Amino acid sequence: MLKIAKLTTVVGVLGASLAACESSDLPRAATGAGAGYLVDRATGGDGTVGAAVGAAGGVVCDDVTPQLCN
């Protein structure tokens, strides 16, 4: 269980870092979906919920935290 938690943390941080590098909503959504899928699969899910949450997070990132996602 601890191994999964560490992996989830690492993938989440890397995914957030990559998503912040993109300049428009579509690339951020794609990056967020990919990171969310990987985290969901690593924790035993089928990937769809993680991808949906990651995509939504990528789209609204610049609206919620413009200092991080521009």
PDB file of N, CA and C in Angstrom:
ATOM      1  N   MET A   1       0.825  -1.200   0.000  1.00  0.00           N
ATOM      2  CA  MET A   1       0.000   0.000   0.000  1.00  0.00           C
ATOM      3  C   MET A   1       0.861   1.252   0.000  1.00  0.00           C
ATOM      4  N   LEU A   2       1.947   1.240   0.764  1.00  0.00           N
ATOM      5  CA  LEU A   2       2.829   2.399   0.815  1.00  0.00           C
ATOM      6  C   LEU A   2       3.478   2.652  -0.536  1.00  0.00           C
ATOM      7  N   LYS A   3       3.778   1.576  -1.264  1.00  0.00           N
ATOM      8  CA  LYS A   3       4.377   1.708  -2.591  1.00  0.00           C
ATOM      9  C   LYS A   3       3.422   2.429  -3.547  1.00  0.00           C
ATOM     10  N   ILE A   4       2.140   2.092  -3.475  1.00  0.00           N
ATOM     11  CA  ILE A   4       1.142   2.735  -4.329  1.00  0.00           C
ATOM     12  C   ILE A   4       1.000   4.206  -3.965  1.00  0.00           C
ATOM     13  N   ALA A   5       1.028   4.523  -2.691  1.00  0.00           N
ATOM     14  CA  ALA A   5       0.918   5.920  -2.265  1.00  0.00           C
ATOM     15  C   ALA A   5       2.099   6.738  -2.764  1.00  0.00           C
ATOM     16  N   LYS A   6       3.293   6.177  -2.701  1.00  0.00           N
ATOM     17  CA  LYS A   6       4.476   6.891  -3.203  1.00  0.00           C
ATOM     18  C   LYS A   6       4.381   7.097  -4.706  1.00  0.00           C
ATOM     19  N   LEU A   7       3.975   6.061  -5.426  1.00  0.00           N
ATOM     20  CA  LEU A   7       3.843   6.161  -6.872  1.00  0.00           C
ATOM     21  C   LEU A   7       2.794   7.196  -7.250  1.00  0.00           C
ATOM     22  N   THR A   8       1.692   7.199  -6.545  1.00  0.00           N
ATOM     23  CA  THR A   8       0.635   8.169  -6.808  1.00  0.00           C
ATOM     24  C   THR A   8       1.126   9.592  -6.589  1.00  0.00           C
ATOM     25  N   THR A   9       1.881   9.794  -5.540  1.00  0.00           N
ATOM     26  CA  THR A   9       2.421  11.123  -5.254  1.00  0.00           C
ATOM     27  C   THR A   9       3.372  11.572  -6.345  1.00  0.00           C
ATOM     28  N   VAL A  10       4.270  10.695  -6.744  1.00  0.00           N
ATOM     29  CA  VAL A  10       5.252  11.044  -7.780  1.00  0.00           C
ATOM     30  C   VAL A  10       4.563  11.353  -9.098  1.00  0.00           C
ATOM     31  N   VAL A  11       3.634  10.499  -9.518  1.00  0.00           N
ATOM     32  CA  VAL A  11       2.933  10.723 -10.780  1.00  0.00           C
ATOM     33  C   VAL A  11       2.095  11.996 -10.716  1.00  0.00           C
ATOM     34  N   GLY A  12       1.472  12.253  -9.585  1.00  0.00           N
ATOM     35  CA  GLY A  12       0.675  13.468  -9.438  1.00  0.00           C
ATOM     36  C   GLY A  12       1.506  14.731  -9.549  1.00  0.00           C
ATOM     37  N   VAL A  13       2.660  14.738  -8.902  1.00  0.00           N
ATOM     38  CA  VAL A  13       3.542  15.908  -8.969  1.00  0.00           C
ATOM     39  C   VAL A  13       4.077  16.098 -10.383  1.00  0.00           C
ATOM     40  N   LEU A  14       4.501  15.016 -11.017  1.00  0.00           N
ATOM     41  CA  LEU A  14       5.005  15.127 -12.385  1.00  0.00           C
ATOM     42  C   LEU A  14       3.910  15.562 -13.351  1.00  0.00           C
ATOM     43  N   GLY A  15       2.723  15.022 -13.181  1.00  0.00           N
ATOM     44  CA  GLY A  15       1.612  15.408 -14.046  1.00  0.00           C
ATOM     45  C   GLY A  15       1.230  16.865 -13.884  1.00  0.00           C
ATOM     46  N   ALA A  16       1.214  17.344 -12.659  1.00  0.00           N
ATOM     47  CA  ALA A  16       0.904  18.756 -12.419  1.00  0.00           C
ATOM     48  C   ALA A  16       1.978  19.654 -13.010  1.00  0.00           C
ATOM     49  N   SER A  17       3.219  19.243 -12.901  1.00  0.00           N
ATOM     50  CA  SER A  17       4.314  20.030 -13.470  1.00  0.00           C
ATOM     51  C   SER A  17       4.204  20.094 -14.980  1.00  0.00           C
ATOM     52  N   LEU A  18       3.913  18.969 -15.608  1.00  0.00           N
ATOM     53  CA  LEU A  18       3.766  18.952 -17.062  1.00  0.00           C
ATOM     54  C   LEU A  18       2.550  19.744 -17.511  1.00  0.00           C
ATOM     55  N   ALA A  19       1.461  19.631 -16.799  1.00  0.00           N
ATOM     56  CA  ALA A  19       0.246  20.352 -17.175  1.00  0.00           C
ATOM     57  C   ALA A  19       0.456  21.859 -17.094  1.00  0.00           C
ATOM     58  N   ALA A  20       1.258  22.308 -16.160  1.00  0.00           N
ATOM     59  CA  ALA A  20       1.509  23.738 -16.011  1.00  0.00           C
ATOM     60  C   ALA A  20       2.318  24.294 -17.169  1.00  0.00           C
ATOM     61  N   CYS A  21       3.026  23.454 -17.898  1.00  0.00           N
ATOM     62  CA  CYS A  21       3.863  23.914 -19.009  1.00  0.00           C
ATOM     63  C   CYS A  21       3.063  24.216 -20.270  1.00  0.00           C
ATOM     64  N   GLU A  22       1.863  23.724 -20.380  1.00  0.00           N
ATOM     65  CA  GLU A  22       1.067  23.910 -21.590  1.00  0.00           C
ATOM     66  C   GLU A  22       0.378  25.270 -21.567  1.00  0.00           C
ATOM     67  N   SER A  23       0.142  25.829 -22.753  1.00  0.00           N
ATOM     68  CA  SER A  23      -0.350  27.196 -22.818  1.00  0.00           C
ATOM     69  C   SER A  23      -1.855  27.317 -23.054  1.00  0.00           C
ATOM     70  N   SER A  24      -2.506  26.279 -23.539  1.00  0.00           N
ATOM     71  CA  SER A  24      -3.948  26.385 -23.762  1.00  0.00           C
ATOM     72  C   SER A  24      -4.676  25.239 -23.065  1.00  0.00           C
ATOM     73  N   ASP A  25      -5.996  25.327 -23.044  1.00  0.00           N
ATOM     74  CA  ASP A  25      -6.802  24.352 -22.308  1.00  0.00           C
ATOM     75  C   ASP A  25      -6.686  22.931 -22.862  1.00  0.00           C
ATOM     76  N   LEU A  26      -6.666  22.778 -24.180  1.00  0.00           N
ATOM     77  CA  LEU A  26      -6.659  21.438 -24.761  1.00  0.00           C
ATOM     78  C   LEU A  26      -5.399  20.639 -24.414  1.00  0.00           C
ATOM     79  N   PRO A  27      -4.197  21.195 -24.574  1.00  0.00           N
ATOM     80  CA  PRO A  27      -3.015  20.419 -24.166  1.00  0.00           C
ATOM     81  C   PRO A  27      -2.967  20.149 -22.665  1.00  0.00           C
ATOM     82  N   ARG A  28      -3.421  21.106 -21.855  1.00  0.00           N
ATOM     83  CA  ARG A  28      -3.450  20.870 -20.407  1.00  0.00           C
ATOM     84  C   ARG A  28      -4.440  19.769 -20.061  1.00  0.00           C
ATOM     85  N   ALA A  29      -5.581  19.736 -20.758  1.00  0.00           N
ATOM     86  CA  ALA A  29      -6.568  18.677 -20.518  1.00  0.00           C
ATOM     87  C   ALA A  29      -5.999  17.314 -20.898  1.00  0.00           C
ATOM     88  N   ALA A  30      -5.304  17.247 -22.015  1.00  0.00           N
ATOM     89  CA  ALA A  30      -4.712  15.975 -22.445  1.00  0.00           C
ATOM     90  C   ALA A  30      -3.641  15.501 -21.475  1.00  0.00           C
ATOM     91  N   THR A  31      -2.795  16.416 -21.022  1.00  0.00           N
ATOM     92  CA  THR A  31      -1.747  16.056 -20.063  1.00  0.00           C
ATOM     93  C   THR A  31      -2.358  15.635 -18.734  1.00  0.00           C
ATOM     94  N   GLY A  32      -3.345  16.376 -18.280  1.00  0.00           N
ATOM     95  CA  GLY A  32      -4.022  16.025 -17.035  1.00  0.00           C
ATOM     96  C   GLY A  32      -4.734  14.683 -17.124  1.00  0.00           C
ATOM     97  N   ALA A  33      -5.344  14.409 -18.278  1.00  0.00           N
ATOM     98  CA  ALA A  33      -6.022  13.125 -18.465  1.00  0.00           C
ATOM     99  C   ALA A  33      -5.024  11.977 -18.423  1.00  0.00           C
ATOM    100  N   GLY A  34      -3.873  12.174 -19.056  1.00  0.00           N
ATOM    101  CA  GLY A  34      -2.844  11.131 -19.032  1.00  0.00           C
ATOM    102  C   GLY A  34      -2.328  10.864 -17.632  1.00  0.00           C
ATOM    103  N   ALA A  35      -2.051  11.920 -16.901  1.00  0.00           N
ATOM    104  CA  ALA A  35      -1.559  11.767 -15.526  1.00  0.00           C
ATOM    105  C   ALA A  35      -2.633  11.149 -14.634  1.00  0.00           C
ATOM    106  N   GLY A  36      -3.869  11.591 -14.790  1.00  0.00           N
ATOM    107  CA  GLY A  36      -4.963  11.033 -14.002  1.00  0.00           C
ATOM    108  C   GLY A  36      -5.196   9.562 -14.299  1.00  0.00           C
ATOM    109  N   TYR A  37      -5.075   9.195 -15.568  1.00  0.00           N
ATOM    110  CA  TYR A  37      -5.216   7.788 -15.956  1.00  0.00           C
ATOM    111  C   TYR A  37      -4.147   6.939 -15.282  1.00  0.00           C
ATOM    112  N   LEU A  38      -2.902   7.395 -15.334  1.00  0.00           N
ATOM    113  CA  LEU A  38      -1.805   6.633 -14.730  1.00  0.00           C
ATOM    114  C   LEU A  38      -1.984   6.471 -13.224  1.00  0.00           C
ATOM    115  N   VAL A  39      -2.379   7.532 -12.565  1.00  0.00           N
ATOM    116  CA  VAL A  39      -2.586   7.454 -11.114  1.00  0.00           C
ATOM    117  C   VAL A  39      -3.737   6.505 -10.797  1.00  0.00           C
ATOM    118  N   ASP A  40      -4.828   6.606 -11.548  1.00  0.00           N
ATOM    119  CA  ASP A  40      -5.976   5.735 -11.311  1.00  0.00           C
ATOM    120  C   ASP A  40      -5.608   4.270 -11.534  1.00  0.00           C
ATOM    121  N   ARG A  41      -4.868   3.982 -12.591  1.00  0.00           N
ATOM    122  CA  ARG A  41      -4.440   2.600 -12.850  1.00  0.00           C
ATOM    123  C   ARG A  41      -3.481   2.109 -11.771  1.00  0.00           C
ATOM    124  N   ALA A  42      -2.599   2.981 -11.300  1.00  0.00           N
ATOM    125  CA  ALA A  42      -1.629   2.586 -10.273  1.00  0.00           C
ATOM    126  C   ALA A  42      -2.303   2.260  -8.951  1.00  0.00           C
ATOM    127  N   THR A  43      -3.460   2.851  -8.723  1.00  0.00           N
ATOM    128  CA  THR A  43      -4.172   2.597  -7.469  1.00  0.00           C
ATOM    129  C   THR A  43      -5.266   1.547  -7.620  1.00  0.00           C
ATOM    130  N   GLY A  44      -5.307   0.866  -8.764  1.00  0.00           N
ATOM    131  CA  GLY A  44      -6.237  -0.241  -8.939  1.00  0.00           C
ATOM    132  C   GLY A  44      -7.517   0.085  -9.674  1.00  0.00           C
ATOM    133  N   GLY A  45      -7.674   1.295 -10.156  1.00  0.00           N
ATOM    134  CA  GLY A  45      -8.877   1.652 -10.901  1.00  0.00           C
ATOM    135  C   GLY A  45      -8.755   1.265 -12.361  1.00  0.00           C
ATOM    136  N   ASP A  46      -9.806   1.542 -13.136  1.00  0.00           N
ATOM    137  CA  ASP A  46      -9.757   1.219 -14.559  1.00  0.00           C
ATOM    138  C   ASP A  46      -9.246   2.379 -15.411  1.00  0.00           C
ATOM    139  N   GLY A  47      -9.019   3.515 -14.812  1.00  0.00           N
ATOM    140  CA  GLY A  47      -8.421   4.648 -15.506  1.00  0.00           C
ATOM    141  C   GLY A  47      -9.391   5.709 -15.968  1.00  0.00           C
ATOM    142  N   THR A  48     -10.670   5.381 -16.104  1.00  0.00           N
ATOM    143  CA  THR A  48     -11.606   6.353 -16.668  1.00  0.00           C
ATOM    144  C   THR A  48     -11.897   7.512 -15.723  1.00  0.00           C
ATOM    145  N   VAL A  49     -12.083   7.223 -14.456  1.00  0.00           N
ATOM    146  CA  VAL A  49     -12.361   8.296 -13.495  1.00  0.00           C
ATOM    147  C   VAL A  49     -11.143   9.200 -13.352  1.00  0.00           C
ATOM    148  N   GLY A  50      -9.969   8.610 -13.247  1.00  0.00           N
ATOM    149  CA  GLY A  50      -8.747   9.399 -13.128  1.00  0.00           C
ATOM    150  C   GLY A  50      -8.515  10.280 -14.341  1.00  0.00           C
ATOM    151  N   ALA A  51      -8.776   9.737 -15.529  1.00  0.00           N
ATOM    152  CA  ALA A  51      -8.606  10.521 -16.748  1.00  0.00           C
ATOM    153  C   ALA A  51      -9.590  11.684 -16.795  1.00  0.00           C
ATOM    154  N   ALA A  52     -10.828  11.443 -16.389  1.00  0.00           N
ATOM    155  CA  ALA A  52     -11.831  12.511 -16.391  1.00  0.00           C
ATOM    156  C   ALA A  52     -11.479  13.607 -15.396  1.00  0.00           C
ATOM    157  N   VAL A  53     -11.065  13.208 -14.199  1.00  0.00           N
ATOM    158  CA  VAL A  53     -10.694  14.194 -13.180  1.00  0.00           C
ATOM    159  C   VAL A  53      -9.452  14.962 -13.612  1.00  0.00           C
ATOM    160  N   GLY A  54      -8.470  14.264 -14.166  1.00  0.00           N
ATOM    161  CA  GLY A  54      -7.255  14.925 -14.631  1.00  0.00           C
ATOM    162  C   GLY A  54      -7.520  15.905 -15.764  1.00  0.00           C
ATOM    163  N   ALA A  55      -8.381  15.519 -16.700  1.00  0.00           N
ATOM    164  CA  ALA A  55      -8.722  16.414 -17.807  1.00  0.00           C
ATOM    165  C   ALA A  55      -9.431  17.662 -17.305  1.00  0.00           C
ATOM    166  N   ALA A  56     -10.377  17.478 -16.396  1.00  0.00           N
ATOM    167  CA  ALA A  56     -11.085  18.634 -15.833  1.00  0.00           C
ATOM    168  C   ALA A  56     -10.125  19.538 -15.076  1.00  0.00           C
ATOM    169  N   GLY A  57      -9.226  18.948 -14.317  1.00  0.00           N
ATOM    170  CA  GLY A  57      -8.233  19.743 -13.592  1.00  0.00           C
ATOM    171  C   GLY A  57      -7.326  20.517 -14.523  1.00  0.00           C
ATOM    172  N   GLY A  58      -6.931  19.899 -15.633  1.00  0.00           N
ATOM    173  CA  GLY A  58      -6.085  20.589 -16.600  1.00  0.00           C
ATOM    174  C   GLY A  58      -6.784  21.767 -17.255  1.00  0.00           C
ATOM    175  N   VAL A  59      -8.067  21.611 -17.542  1.00  0.00           N
ATOM    176  CA  VAL A  59      -8.822  22.684 -18.194  1.00  0.00           C
ATOM    177  C   VAL A  59      -8.986  23.889 -17.279  1.00  0.00           C
ATOM    178  N   VAL A  60      -9.311  23.663 -16.014  1.00  0.00           N
ATOM    179  CA  VAL A  60      -9.578  24.785 -15.112  1.00  0.00           C
ATOM    180  C   VAL A  60      -8.341  25.284 -14.370  1.00  0.00           C
ATOM    181  N   CYS A  61      -7.197  24.678 -14.615  1.00  0.00           N
ATOM    182  CA  CYS A  61      -5.982  25.051 -13.890  1.00  0.00           C
ATOM    183  C   CYS A  61      -5.651  26.536 -14.039  1.00  0.00           C
ATOM    184  N   ASP A  62      -5.726  27.060 -15.259  1.00  0.00           N
ATOM    185  CA  ASP A  62      -5.375  28.466 -15.464  1.00  0.00           C
ATOM    186  C   ASP A  62      -6.422  29.413 -14.897  1.00  0.00           C
ATOM    187  N   ASP A  63      -7.654  28.951 -14.737  1.00  0.00           N
ATOM    188  CA  ASP A  63      -8.702  29.785 -14.157  1.00  0.00           C
ATOM    189  C   ASP A  63      -8.606  29.844 -12.636  1.00  0.00           C
ATOM    190  N   VAL A  64      -8.214  28.726 -12.029  1.00  0.00           N
ATOM    191  CA  VAL A  64      -8.149  28.636 -10.573  1.00  0.00           C
ATOM    192  C   VAL A  64      -6.821  29.168 -10.039  1.00  0.00           C
ATOM    193  N   THR A  65      -5.731  28.793 -10.684  1.00  0.00           N
ATOM    194  CA  THR A  65      -4.389  29.216 -10.239  1.00  0.00           C
ATOM    195  C   THR A  65      -3.608  29.787 -11.419  1.00  0.00           C
ATOM    196  N   PRO A  66      -3.926  31.010 -11.845  1.00  0.00           N
ATOM    197  CA  PRO A  66      -3.254  31.569 -13.025  1.00  0.00           C
ATOM    198  C   PRO A  66      -1.750  31.753 -12.841  1.00  0.00           C
ATOM    199  N   GLN A  67      -1.287  31.914 -11.609  1.00  0.00           N
ATOM    200  CA  GLN A  67       0.143  32.085 -11.391  1.00  0.00           C
ATOM    201  C   GLN A  67       0.908  30.787 -11.646  1.00  0.00           C
ATOM    202  N   LEU A  68       0.248  29.641 -11.597  1.00  0.00           N
ATOM    203  CA  LEU A  68       0.911  28.356 -11.811  1.00  0.00           C
ATOM    204  C   LEU A  68       0.732  27.817 -13.219  1.00  0.00           C
ATOM    205  N   CYS A  69      -0.352  28.138 -13.873  1.00  0.00           N
ATOM    206  CA  CYS A  69      -0.697  27.493 -15.141  1.00  0.00           C
ATOM    207  C   CYS A  69      -0.664  28.432 -16.338  1.00  0.00           C
ATOM    208  N   ASN A  70       0.230  29.343 -16.371  1.00  0.00           N
ATOM    209  CA  ASN A  70       0.353  30.218 -17.544  1.00  0.00           C
ATOM    210  C   ASN A  70       1.719  30.090 -18.142  1.00  0.00           C
TER     211      ASN A  70
END
